[in-house]
PDB file of all heavy atoms in Angstrom:
ATOM      1  N   HIS A   1      -7.626  -3.370 -15.235  1.00  0.00           N
ATOM      2  CA  HIS A   1      -7.398  -4.624 -14.497  1.00  0.00           C
ATOM      3  C   HIS A   1      -5.974  -4.684 -13.953  1.00  0.00           C
ATOM      4  O   HIS A   1      -5.755  -5.085 -12.794  1.00  0.00           O
ATOM      5  CB  HIS A   1      -7.666  -5.817 -15.420  1.00  0.00           C
ATOM      6  CG  HIS A   1      -7.393  -7.143 -14.782  1.00  0.00           C
ATOM      7  ND1 HIS A   1      -8.221  -7.690 -13.827  1.00  0.00           N
ATOM      8  CD2 HIS A   1      -6.359  -8.029 -14.947  1.00  0.00           C
ATOM      9  CE1 HIS A   1      -7.729  -8.857 -13.429  1.00  0.00           C
ATOM     10  NE2 HIS A   1      -6.597  -9.080 -14.094  1.00  0.00           N
ATOM     11  N   PHE A   2      -5.003  -4.275 -14.763  1.00  0.00           N
ATOM     12  CA  PHE A   2      -3.601  -4.303 -14.357  1.00  0.00           C
ATOM     13  C   PHE A   2      -3.383  -3.443 -13.110  1.00  0.00           C
ATOM     14  O   PHE A   2      -2.748  -3.872 -12.137  1.00  0.00           O
ATOM     15  CB  PHE A   2      -2.723  -3.800 -15.510  1.00  0.00           C
ATOM     16  CG  PHE A   2      -1.267  -3.637 -15.160  1.00  0.00           C
ATOM     17  CD1 PHE A   2      -0.396  -4.711 -15.214  1.00  0.00           C
ATOM     18  CD2 PHE A   2      -0.763  -2.390 -14.778  1.00  0.00           C
ATOM     19  CE1 PHE A   2       0.952  -4.556 -14.889  1.00  0.00           C
ATOM     20  CE2 PHE A   2       0.576  -2.223 -14.450  1.00  0.00           C
ATOM     21  CZ  PHE A   2       1.430  -3.312 -14.509  1.00  0.00           C
ATOM     22  N   VAL A   3      -3.899  -2.203 -13.132  1.00  0.00           N
ATOM     23  CA  VAL A   3      -3.696  -1.278 -12.014  1.00  0.00           C
ATOM     24  C   VAL A   3      -4.414  -1.769 -10.763  1.00  0.00           C
ATOM     25  O   VAL A   3      -3.858  -1.750  -9.661  1.00  0.00           O
ATOM     26  CB  VAL A   3      -4.172   0.144 -12.381  1.00  0.00           C
ATOM     27  CG1 VAL A   3      -4.084   1.083 -11.183  1.00  0.00           C
ATOM     28  CG2 VAL A   3      -3.355   0.704 -13.542  1.00  0.00           C
ATOM     29  N   ARG A   4      -5.662  -2.227 -10.919  1.00  0.00           N
ATOM     30  CA  ARG A   4      -6.406  -2.734  -9.758  1.00  0.00           C
ATOM     31  C   ARG A   4      -5.683  -3.898  -9.090  1.00  0.00           C
ATOM     32  O   ARG A   4      -5.547  -3.949  -7.853  1.00  0.00           O
ATOM     33  CB  ARG A   4      -7.797  -3.213 -10.194  1.00  0.00           C
ATOM     34  CG  ARG A   4      -8.795  -2.122 -10.493  1.00  0.00           C
ATOM     35  CD  ARG A   4     -10.088  -2.746 -11.029  1.00  0.00           C
ATOM     36  NE  ARG A   4     -11.022  -1.748 -11.475  1.00  0.00           N
ATOM     37  CZ  ARG A   4     -11.926  -1.154 -10.692  1.00  0.00           C
ATOM     38  NH1 ARG A   4     -11.996  -1.485  -9.417  1.00  0.00           N
ATOM     39  NH2 ARG A   4     -12.750  -0.263 -11.184  1.00  0.00           N
ATOM     40  N   THR A   5      -5.235  -4.828  -9.896  1.00  0.00           N
ATOM     41  CA  THR A   5      -4.570  -6.023  -9.363  1.00  0.00           C
ATOM     42  C   THR A   5      -3.279  -5.658  -8.650  1.00  0.00           C
ATOM     43  O   THR A   5      -2.995  -6.135  -7.540  1.00  0.00           O
ATOM     44  CB  THR A   5      -4.278  -7.021 -10.499  1.00  0.00           C
ATOM     45  OG1 THR A   5      -5.495  -7.357 -11.162  1.00  0.00           O
ATOM     46  CG2 THR A   5      -3.638  -8.285  -9.952  1.00  0.00           C
ATOM     47  N   LEU A   6      -2.485  -4.795  -9.283  1.00  0.00           N
ATOM     48  CA  LEU A   6      -1.219  -4.384  -8.692  1.00  0.00           C
ATOM     49  C   LEU A   6      -1.449  -3.671  -7.363  1.00  0.00           C
ATOM     50  O   LEU A   6      -0.797  -3.981  -6.357  1.00  0.00           O
ATOM     51  CB  LEU A   6      -0.471  -3.466  -9.659  1.00  0.00           C
ATOM     52  CG  LEU A   6       0.852  -2.884  -9.149  1.00  0.00           C
ATOM     53  CD1 LEU A   6       1.849  -4.004  -8.857  1.00  0.00           C
ATOM     54  CD2 LEU A   6       1.435  -1.907 -10.161  1.00  0.00           C
ATOM     55  N   VAL A   7      -2.379  -2.735  -7.338  1.00  0.00           N
ATOM     56  CA  VAL A   7      -2.657  -1.971  -6.117  1.00  0.00           C
ATOM     57  C   VAL A   7      -3.177  -2.884  -5.017  1.00  0.00           C
ATOM     58  O   VAL A   7      -2.742  -2.786  -3.857  1.00  0.00           O
ATOM     59  CB  VAL A   7      -3.662  -0.840  -6.406  1.00  0.00           C
ATOM     60  CG1 VAL A   7      -4.190  -0.236  -5.104  1.00  0.00           C
ATOM     61  CG2 VAL A   7      -3.011   0.242  -7.255  1.00  0.00           C
ATOM     62  N   ALA A   8      -4.096  -3.785  -5.356  1.00  0.00           N
ATOM     63  CA  ALA A   8      -4.652  -4.705  -4.353  1.00  0.00           C
ATOM     64  C   ALA A   8      -3.561  -5.567  -3.735  1.00  0.00           C
ATOM     65  O   ALA A   8      -3.509  -5.749  -2.504  1.00  0.00           O
ATOM     66  CB  ALA A   8      -5.725  -5.579  -4.991  1.00  0.00           C
ATOM     67  N   ASP A   9      -2.663  -6.089  -4.578  1.00  0.00           N
ATOM     68  CA  ASP A   9      -1.590  -6.960  -4.084  1.00  0.00           C
ATOM     69  C   ASP A   9      -0.620  -6.189  -3.182  1.00  0.00           C
ATOM     70  O   ASP A   9      -0.238  -6.664  -2.112  1.00  0.00           O
ATOM     71  CB  ASP A   9      -0.823  -7.578  -5.259  1.00  0.00           C
ATOM     72  CG  ASP A   9      -1.653  -8.597  -6.027  1.00  0.00           C
ATOM     73  OD1 ASP A   9      -2.703  -9.025  -5.502  1.00  0.00           O
ATOM     74  OD2 ASP A   9      -1.251  -8.950  -7.158  1.00  0.00           O
ATOM     75  N   VAL A  10      -0.232  -4.985  -3.637  1.00  0.00           N
ATOM     76  CA  VAL A  10       0.735  -4.198  -2.865  1.00  0.00           C
ATOM     77  C   VAL A  10       0.111  -3.725  -1.548  1.00  0.00           C
ATOM     78  O   VAL A  10       0.749  -3.803  -0.490  1.00  0.00           O
ATOM     79  CB  VAL A  10       1.231  -2.988  -3.692  1.00  0.00           C
ATOM     80  CG1 VAL A  10       2.104  -2.080  -2.821  1.00  0.00           C
ATOM     81  CG2 VAL A  10       2.020  -3.450  -4.909  1.00  0.00           C
ATOM     82  N   LEU A  11      -1.142  -3.266  -1.596  1.00  0.00           N
ATOM     83  CA  LEU A  11      -1.797  -2.794  -0.373  1.00  0.00           C
ATOM     84  C   LEU A  11      -1.965  -3.910   0.648  1.00  0.00           C
ATOM     85  O   LEU A  11      -1.780  -3.708   1.859  1.00  0.00           O
ATOM     86  CB  LEU A  11      -3.169  -2.195  -0.707  1.00  0.00           C
ATOM     87  CG  LEU A  11      -3.191  -0.785  -1.277  1.00  0.00           C
ATOM     88  CD1 LEU A  11      -4.631  -0.341  -1.504  1.00  0.00           C
ATOM     89  CD2 LEU A  11      -2.487   0.204  -0.349  1.00  0.00           C
ATOM     90  N   GLU A  12      -2.327  -5.091   0.179  1.00  0.00           N
ATOM     91  CA  GLU A  12      -2.493  -6.228   1.095  1.00  0.00           C
ATOM     92  C   GLU A  12      -1.191  -6.502   1.831  1.00  0.00           C
ATOM     93  O   GLU A  12      -1.184  -6.737   3.046  1.00  0.00           O
ATOM     94  CB  GLU A  12      -2.935  -7.462   0.314  1.00  0.00           C
ATOM     95  CG  GLU A  12      -3.195  -8.668   1.216  1.00  0.00           C
ATOM     96  CD  GLU A  12      -3.634  -9.900   0.436  1.00  0.00           C
ATOM     97  OE1 GLU A  12      -3.697  -9.830  -0.809  1.00  0.00           O
ATOM     98  OE2 GLU A  12      -3.915 -10.934   1.076  1.00  0.00           O
ATOM     99  N   GLN A  13      -0.077  -6.445   1.080  1.00  0.00           N
ATOM    100  CA  GLN A  13       1.218  -6.695   1.698  1.00  0.00           C
ATOM    101  C   GLN A  13       1.595  -5.575   2.663  1.00  0.00           C
ATOM    102  O   GLN A  13       2.079  -5.820   3.771  1.00  0.00           O
ATOM    103  CB  GLN A  13       2.293  -6.824   0.601  1.00  0.00           C
ATOM    104  CG  GLN A  13       3.665  -7.220   1.114  1.00  0.00           C
ATOM    105  CD  GLN A  13       3.657  -8.588   1.790  1.00  0.00           C
ATOM    106  OE1 GLN A  13       2.976  -9.512   1.338  1.00  0.00           O
ATOM    107  NE2 GLN A  13       4.388  -8.701   2.890  1.00  0.00           N
ATOM    108  N   ARG A  14       1.319  -4.312   2.268  1.00  0.00           N
ATOM    109  CA  ARG A  14       1.688  -3.171   3.107  1.00  0.00           C
ATOM    110  C   ARG A  14       0.905  -3.153   4.416  1.00  0.00           C
ATOM    111  O   ARG A  14       1.413  -2.744   5.456  1.00  0.00           O
ATOM    112  CB  ARG A  14       1.429  -1.853   2.354  1.00  0.00           C
ATOM    113  CG  ARG A  14       2.246  -1.700   1.087  1.00  0.00           C
ATOM    114  CD  ARG A  14       3.725  -1.459   1.371  1.00  0.00           C
ATOM    115  NE  ARG A  14       4.484  -1.463   0.140  1.00  0.00           N
ATOM    116  CZ  ARG A  14       4.661  -0.385  -0.616  1.00  0.00           C
ATOM    117  NH1 ARG A  14       4.157   0.765  -0.239  1.00  0.00           N
ATOM    118  NH2 ARG A  14       5.375  -0.478  -1.718  1.00  0.00           N
ATOM    119  N   ARG A  15      -0.362  -3.554   4.339  1.00  0.00           N
ATOM    120  CA  ARG A  15      -1.195  -3.532   5.542  1.00  0.00           C
ATOM    121  C   ARG A  15      -0.779  -4.626   6.521  1.00  0.00           C
ATOM    122  O   ARG A  15      -1.027  -4.516   7.724  1.00  0.00           O
ATOM    123  CB  ARG A  15      -2.659  -3.689   5.163  1.00  0.00           C
ATOM    124  CG  ARG A  15      -3.255  -2.411   4.540  1.00  0.00           C
ATOM    125  CD  ARG A  15      -4.549  -2.678   3.833  1.00  0.00           C
ATOM    126  NE  ARG A  15      -5.147  -1.441   3.284  1.00  0.00           N
ATOM    127  CZ  ARG A  15      -6.001  -1.399   2.281  1.00  0.00           C
ATOM    128  NH1 ARG A  15      -6.380  -2.540   1.702  1.00  0.00           N
ATOM    129  NH2 ARG A  15      -6.478  -0.250   1.845  1.00  0.00           N
ATOM    130  N   LYS A  16      -0.134  -5.655   5.989  1.00  0.00           N
ATOM    131  CA  LYS A  16       0.318  -6.741   6.855  1.00  0.00           C
ATOM    132  C   LYS A  16       1.625  -6.387   7.543  1.00  0.00           C
ATOM    133  O   LYS A  16       1.772  -6.541   8.755  1.00  0.00           O
ATOM    134  CB  LYS A  16       0.497  -8.027   6.042  1.00  0.00           C
ATOM    135  CG  LYS A  16      -0.804  -8.684   5.613  1.00  0.00           C
ATOM    136  CD  LYS A  16      -0.515  -9.953   4.803  1.00  0.00           C
ATOM    137  CE  LYS A  16      -1.802 -10.632   4.365  1.00  0.00           C
ATOM    138  NZ  LYS A  16      -1.536 -11.830   3.527  1.00  0.00           N
ATOM    139  N   ASP A  17       2.605  -5.954   6.731  1.00  0.00           N
ATOM    140  CA  ASP A  17       3.901  -5.634   7.348  1.00  0.00           C
ATOM    141  C   ASP A  17       3.937  -4.167   7.770  1.00  0.00           C
ATOM    142  O   ASP A  17       3.129  -3.354   7.350  1.00  0.00           O
ATOM    143  CB  ASP A  17       5.070  -5.960   6.401  1.00  0.00           C
ATOM    144  CG  ASP A  17       5.047  -5.132   5.118  1.00  0.00           C
ATOM    145  OD1 ASP A  17       4.788  -3.924   5.211  1.00  0.00           O
ATOM    146  OD2 ASP A  17       5.301  -5.683   4.028  1.00  0.00           O
ATOM    147  N   LYS A  18       4.871  -3.848   8.599  1.00  0.00           N
ATOM    148  CA  LYS A  18       4.985  -2.487   9.144  1.00  0.00           C
ATOM    149  C   LYS A  18       6.270  -1.813   8.652  1.00  0.00           C
ATOM    150  O   LYS A  18       6.716  -0.830   9.214  1.00  0.00           O
ATOM    151  CB  LYS A  18       4.992  -2.535  10.675  1.00  0.00           C
ATOM    152  CG  LYS A  18       3.772  -3.228  11.272  1.00  0.00           C
ATOM    153  CD  LYS A  18       2.488  -2.480  10.950  1.00  0.00           C
ATOM    154  CE  LYS A  18       1.281  -3.173  11.579  1.00  0.00           C
ATOM    155  NZ  LYS A  18       0.022  -2.495  11.247  1.00  0.00           N
ATOM    156  N   ILE A  19       6.863  -2.369   7.578  1.00  0.00           N
ATOM    157  CA  ILE A  19       8.113  -1.820   7.057  1.00  0.00           C
ATOM    158  C   ILE A  19       7.817  -0.593   6.207  1.00  0.00           C
ATOM    159  O   ILE A  19       7.087  -0.679   5.219  1.00  0.00           O
ATOM    160  CB  ILE A  19       8.853  -2.872   6.191  1.00  0.00           C
ATOM    161  CG1 ILE A  19       9.112  -4.139   7.020  1.00  0.00           C
ATOM    162  CG2 ILE A  19      10.166  -2.295   5.660  1.00  0.00           C
ATOM    163  CD1 ILE A  19       9.669  -5.288   6.204  1.00  0.00           C
ATOM    164  N   PRO A  20       8.322   0.581   6.557  1.00  0.00           N
ATOM    165  CA  PRO A  20       8.040   1.791   5.770  1.00  0.00           C
ATOM    166  C   PRO A  20       8.700   1.739   4.395  1.00  0.00           C
ATOM    167  O   PRO A  20       9.806   1.223   4.242  1.00  0.00           O
ATOM    168  CB  PRO A  20       8.637   2.911   6.633  1.00  0.00           C
ATOM    169  CG  PRO A  20       9.688   2.242   7.452  1.00  0.00           C
ATOM    170  CD  PRO A  20       9.196   0.852   7.714  1.00  0.00           C
ATOM    171  N   ARG A  21       8.016   2.245   3.398  1.00  0.00           N
ATOM    172  CA  ARG A  21       8.538   2.299   2.031  1.00  0.00           C
ATOM    173  C   ARG A  21       8.557   3.745   1.561  1.00  0.00           C
ATOM    174  O   ARG A  21       7.856   4.598   2.090  1.00  0.00           O
ATOM    175  CB  ARG A  21       7.663   1.464   1.088  1.00  0.00           C
ATOM    176  CG  ARG A  21       7.382   0.041   1.565  1.00  0.00           C
ATOM    177  CD  ARG A  21       8.644  -0.804   1.617  1.00  0.00           C
ATOM    178  NE  ARG A  21       8.349  -2.132   2.128  1.00  0.00           N
ATOM    179  CZ  ARG A  21       8.037  -3.176   1.362  1.00  0.00           C
ATOM    180  NH1 ARG A  21       7.934  -3.043   0.060  1.00  0.00           N
ATOM    181  NH2 ARG A  21       7.801  -4.359   1.913  1.00  0.00           N
ATOM    182  N   ASN A  22       9.332   3.982   0.508  1.00  0.00           N
ATOM    183  CA  ASN A  22       9.460   5.342  -0.031  1.00  0.00           C
ATOM    184  C   ASN A  22       8.657   5.508  -1.314  1.00  0.00           C
ATOM    185  O   ASN A  22       9.209   5.830  -2.358  1.00  0.00           O
ATOM    186  CB  ASN A  22      10.940   5.675  -0.299  1.00  0.00           C
ATOM    187  CG  ASN A  22      11.792   5.618   0.952  1.00  0.00           C
ATOM    188  OD1 ASN A  22      11.312   5.921   2.037  1.00  0.00           O
ATOM    189  ND2 ASN A  22      13.032   5.240   0.799  1.00  0.00           N
ATOM    190  N   ASP A  23       7.355   5.293  -1.256  1.00  0.00           N
ATOM    191  CA  ASP A  23       6.568   5.397  -2.483  1.00  0.00           C
ATOM    192  C   ASP A  23       5.162   5.932  -2.195  1.00  0.00           C
ATOM    193  O   ASP A  23       4.748   6.101  -1.046  1.00  0.00           O
ATOM    194  CB  ASP A  23       6.495   4.053  -3.216  1.00  0.00           C
ATOM    195  CG  ASP A  23       5.978   2.927  -2.342  1.00  0.00           C
ATOM    196  OD1 ASP A  23       4.915   3.099  -1.717  1.00  0.00           O
ATOM    197  OD2 ASP A  23       6.626   1.864  -2.281  1.00  0.00           O
ATOM    198  N   PHE A  24       4.434   6.165  -3.257  1.00  0.00           N
ATOM    199  CA  PHE A  24       3.115   6.788  -3.190  1.00  0.00           C
ATOM    200  C   PHE A  24       2.096   5.900  -2.476  1.00  0.00           C
ATOM    201  O   PHE A  24       1.284   6.393  -1.688  1.00  0.00           O
ATOM    202  CB  PHE A  24       2.647   7.082  -4.616  1.00  0.00           C
ATOM    203  CG  PHE A  24       1.308   7.762  -4.696  1.00  0.00           C
ATOM    204  CD1 PHE A  24       1.182   9.117  -4.453  1.00  0.00           C
ATOM    205  CD2 PHE A  24       0.170   7.049  -5.030  1.00  0.00           C
ATOM    206  CE1 PHE A  24      -0.050   9.747  -4.528  1.00  0.00           C
ATOM    207  CE2 PHE A  24      -1.064   7.667  -5.110  1.00  0.00           C
ATOM    208  CZ  PHE A  24      -1.178   9.027  -4.861  1.00  0.00           C
ATOM    209  N   LEU A  25       2.129   4.599  -2.730  1.00  0.00           N
ATOM    210  CA  LEU A  25       1.168   3.709  -2.081  1.00  0.00           C
ATOM    211  C   LEU A  25       1.393   3.644  -0.577  1.00  0.00           C
ATOM    212  O   LEU A  25       0.439   3.456   0.184  1.00  0.00           O
ATOM    213  CB  LEU A  25       1.237   2.306  -2.689  1.00  0.00           C
ATOM    214  CG  LEU A  25       0.559   2.116  -4.057  1.00  0.00           C
ATOM    215  CD1 LEU A  25       0.492   0.645  -4.409  1.00  0.00           C
ATOM    216  CD2 LEU A  25      -0.833   2.725  -4.070  1.00  0.00           C
ATOM    217  N   GLN A  26       2.641   3.795  -0.159  1.00  0.00           N
ATOM    218  CA  GLN A  26       2.904   3.836   1.277  1.00  0.00           C
ATOM    219  C   GLN A  26       2.214   5.042   1.904  1.00  0.00           C
ATOM    220  O   GLN A  26       1.685   4.971   3.013  1.00  0.00           O
ATOM    221  CB  GLN A  26       4.416   3.915   1.538  1.00  0.00           C
ATOM    222  CG  GLN A  26       4.797   3.908   3.010  1.00  0.00           C
ATOM    223  CD  GLN A  26       4.419   2.608   3.711  1.00  0.00           C
ATOM    224  OE1 GLN A  26       4.456   1.540   3.094  1.00  0.00           O
ATOM    225  NE2 GLN A  26       4.045   2.681   4.981  1.00  0.00           N
ATOM    226  N   LEU A  27       2.186   6.134   1.155  1.00  0.00           N
ATOM    227  CA  LEU A  27       1.488   7.318   1.638  1.00  0.00           C
ATOM    228  C   LEU A  27      -0.002   7.033   1.820  1.00  0.00           C
ATOM    229  O   LEU A  27      -0.610   7.474   2.794  1.00  0.00           O
ATOM    230  CB  LEU A  27       1.661   8.472   0.646  1.00  0.00           C
ATOM    231  CG  LEU A  27       0.769   9.685   0.895  1.00  0.00           C
ATOM    232  CD1 LEU A  27       1.204  10.408   2.161  1.00  0.00           C
ATOM    233  CD2 LEU A  27       0.778  10.625  -0.285  1.00  0.00           C
ATOM    234  N   MET A  28      -0.599   6.304   0.894  1.00  0.00           N
ATOM    235  CA  MET A  28      -2.013   5.958   1.005  1.00  0.00           C
ATOM    236  C   MET A  28      -2.272   5.151   2.279  1.00  0.00           C
ATOM    237  O   MET A  28      -3.274   5.360   2.970  1.00  0.00           O
ATOM    238  CB  MET A  28      -2.456   5.147  -0.219  1.00  0.00           C
ATOM    239  CG  MET A  28      -2.516   5.924  -1.520  1.00  0.00           C
ATOM    240  SD  MET A  28      -3.856   7.148  -1.573  1.00  0.00           S
ATOM    241  CE  MET A  28      -2.934   8.663  -1.328  1.00  0.00           C
ATOM    242  N   VAL A  29      -1.361   4.237   2.588  1.00  0.00           N
ATOM    243  CA  VAL A  29      -1.486   3.435   3.808  1.00  0.00           C
ATOM    244  C   VAL A  29      -1.392   4.343   5.038  1.00  0.00           C
ATOM    245  O   VAL A  29      -2.163   4.207   5.997  1.00  0.00           O
ATOM    246  CB  VAL A  29      -0.397   2.339   3.858  1.00  0.00           C
ATOM    247  CG1 VAL A  29      -0.417   1.625   5.207  1.00  0.00           C
ATOM    248  CG2 VAL A  29      -0.586   1.344   2.722  1.00  0.00           C
ATOM    249  N   GLU A  30      -0.463   5.292   5.003  1.00  0.00           N
ATOM    250  CA  GLU A  30      -0.296   6.215   6.129  1.00  0.00           C
ATOM    251  C   GLU A  30      -1.523   7.121   6.287  1.00  0.00           C
ATOM    252  O   GLU A  30      -1.944   7.425   7.416  1.00  0.00           O
ATOM    253  CB  GLU A  30       0.962   7.066   5.909  1.00  0.00           C
ATOM    254  CG  GLU A  30       2.258   6.276   6.005  1.00  0.00           C
ATOM    255  CD  GLU A  30       3.470   7.105   5.633  1.00  0.00           C
ATOM    256  OE1 GLU A  30       3.309   8.343   5.484  1.00  0.00           O
ATOM    257  OE2 GLU A  30       4.566   6.531   5.491  1.00  0.00           O
ATOM    258  N   LEU A  31      -2.085   7.565   5.175  1.00  0.00           N
ATOM    259  CA  LEU A  31      -3.283   8.397   5.234  1.00  0.00           C
ATOM    260  C   LEU A  31      -4.470   7.625   5.797  1.00  0.00           C
ATOM    261  O   LEU A  31      -5.294   8.176   6.529  1.00  0.00           O
ATOM    262  CB  LEU A  31      -3.623   8.932   3.840  1.00  0.00           C
ATOM    263  CG  LEU A  31      -2.795  10.133   3.352  1.00  0.00           C
ATOM    264  CD1 LEU A  31      -3.113  10.437   1.890  1.00  0.00           C
ATOM    265  CD2 LEU A  31      -3.049  11.353   4.208  1.00  0.00           C
ATOM    266  N   GLU A  32      -4.555   6.344   5.448  1.00  0.00           N
ATOM    267  CA  GLU A  32      -5.606   5.490   6.034  1.00  0.00           C
ATOM    268  C   GLU A  32      -5.523   5.517   7.554  1.00  0.00           C
ATOM    269  O   GLU A  32      -6.524   5.707   8.245  1.00  0.00           O
ATOM    270  CB  GLU A  32      -5.443   4.051   5.545  1.00  0.00           C
ATOM    271  CG  GLU A  32      -6.001   3.771   4.171  1.00  0.00           C
ATOM    272  CD  GLU A  32      -5.922   2.291   3.845  1.00  0.00           C
ATOM    273  OE1 GLU A  32      -5.063   1.583   4.402  1.00  0.00           O
ATOM    274  OE2 GLU A  32      -6.726   1.836   3.023  1.00  0.00           O
ATOM    275  N   ARG A  33      -4.311   5.313   8.044  1.00  0.00           N
ATOM    276  CA  ARG A  33      -4.119   5.260   9.489  1.00  0.00           C
ATOM    277  C   ARG A  33      -4.404   6.613  10.120  1.00  0.00           C
ATOM    278  O   ARG A  33      -5.013   6.704  11.191  1.00  0.00           O
ATOM    279  CB  ARG A  33      -2.685   4.818   9.802  1.00  0.00           C
ATOM    280  CG  ARG A  33      -2.381   3.370   9.384  1.00  0.00           C
ATOM    281  CD  ARG A  33      -0.898   3.071   9.419  1.00  0.00           C
ATOM    282  NE  ARG A  33      -0.609   1.717   8.936  1.00  0.00           N
ATOM    283  CZ  ARG A  33       0.580   1.310   8.537  1.00  0.00           C
ATOM    284  NH1 ARG A  33       1.606   2.142   8.563  1.00  0.00           N
ATOM    285  NH2 ARG A  33       0.763   0.071   8.105  1.00  0.00           N
ATOM    286  N   ALA A  34      -3.966   7.701   9.449  1.00  0.00           N
ATOM    287  CA  ALA A  34      -4.161   9.046   9.997  1.00  0.00           C
ATOM    288  C   ALA A  34      -5.631   9.439  10.021  1.00  0.00           C
ATOM    289  O   ALA A  34      -6.099  10.092  10.960  1.00  0.00           O
ATOM    290  CB  ALA A  34      -3.364  10.055   9.172  1.00  0.00           C
TER     291      ALA A  34
END
């Protein structure tokens, strides 16, 4: 539950803003787009 909630919250924020981050979840967002 902890991991799901954290990932869902961070991904929702990342998909909204376009500010690049230096972390693994940012890579997932970039792979989605690619």
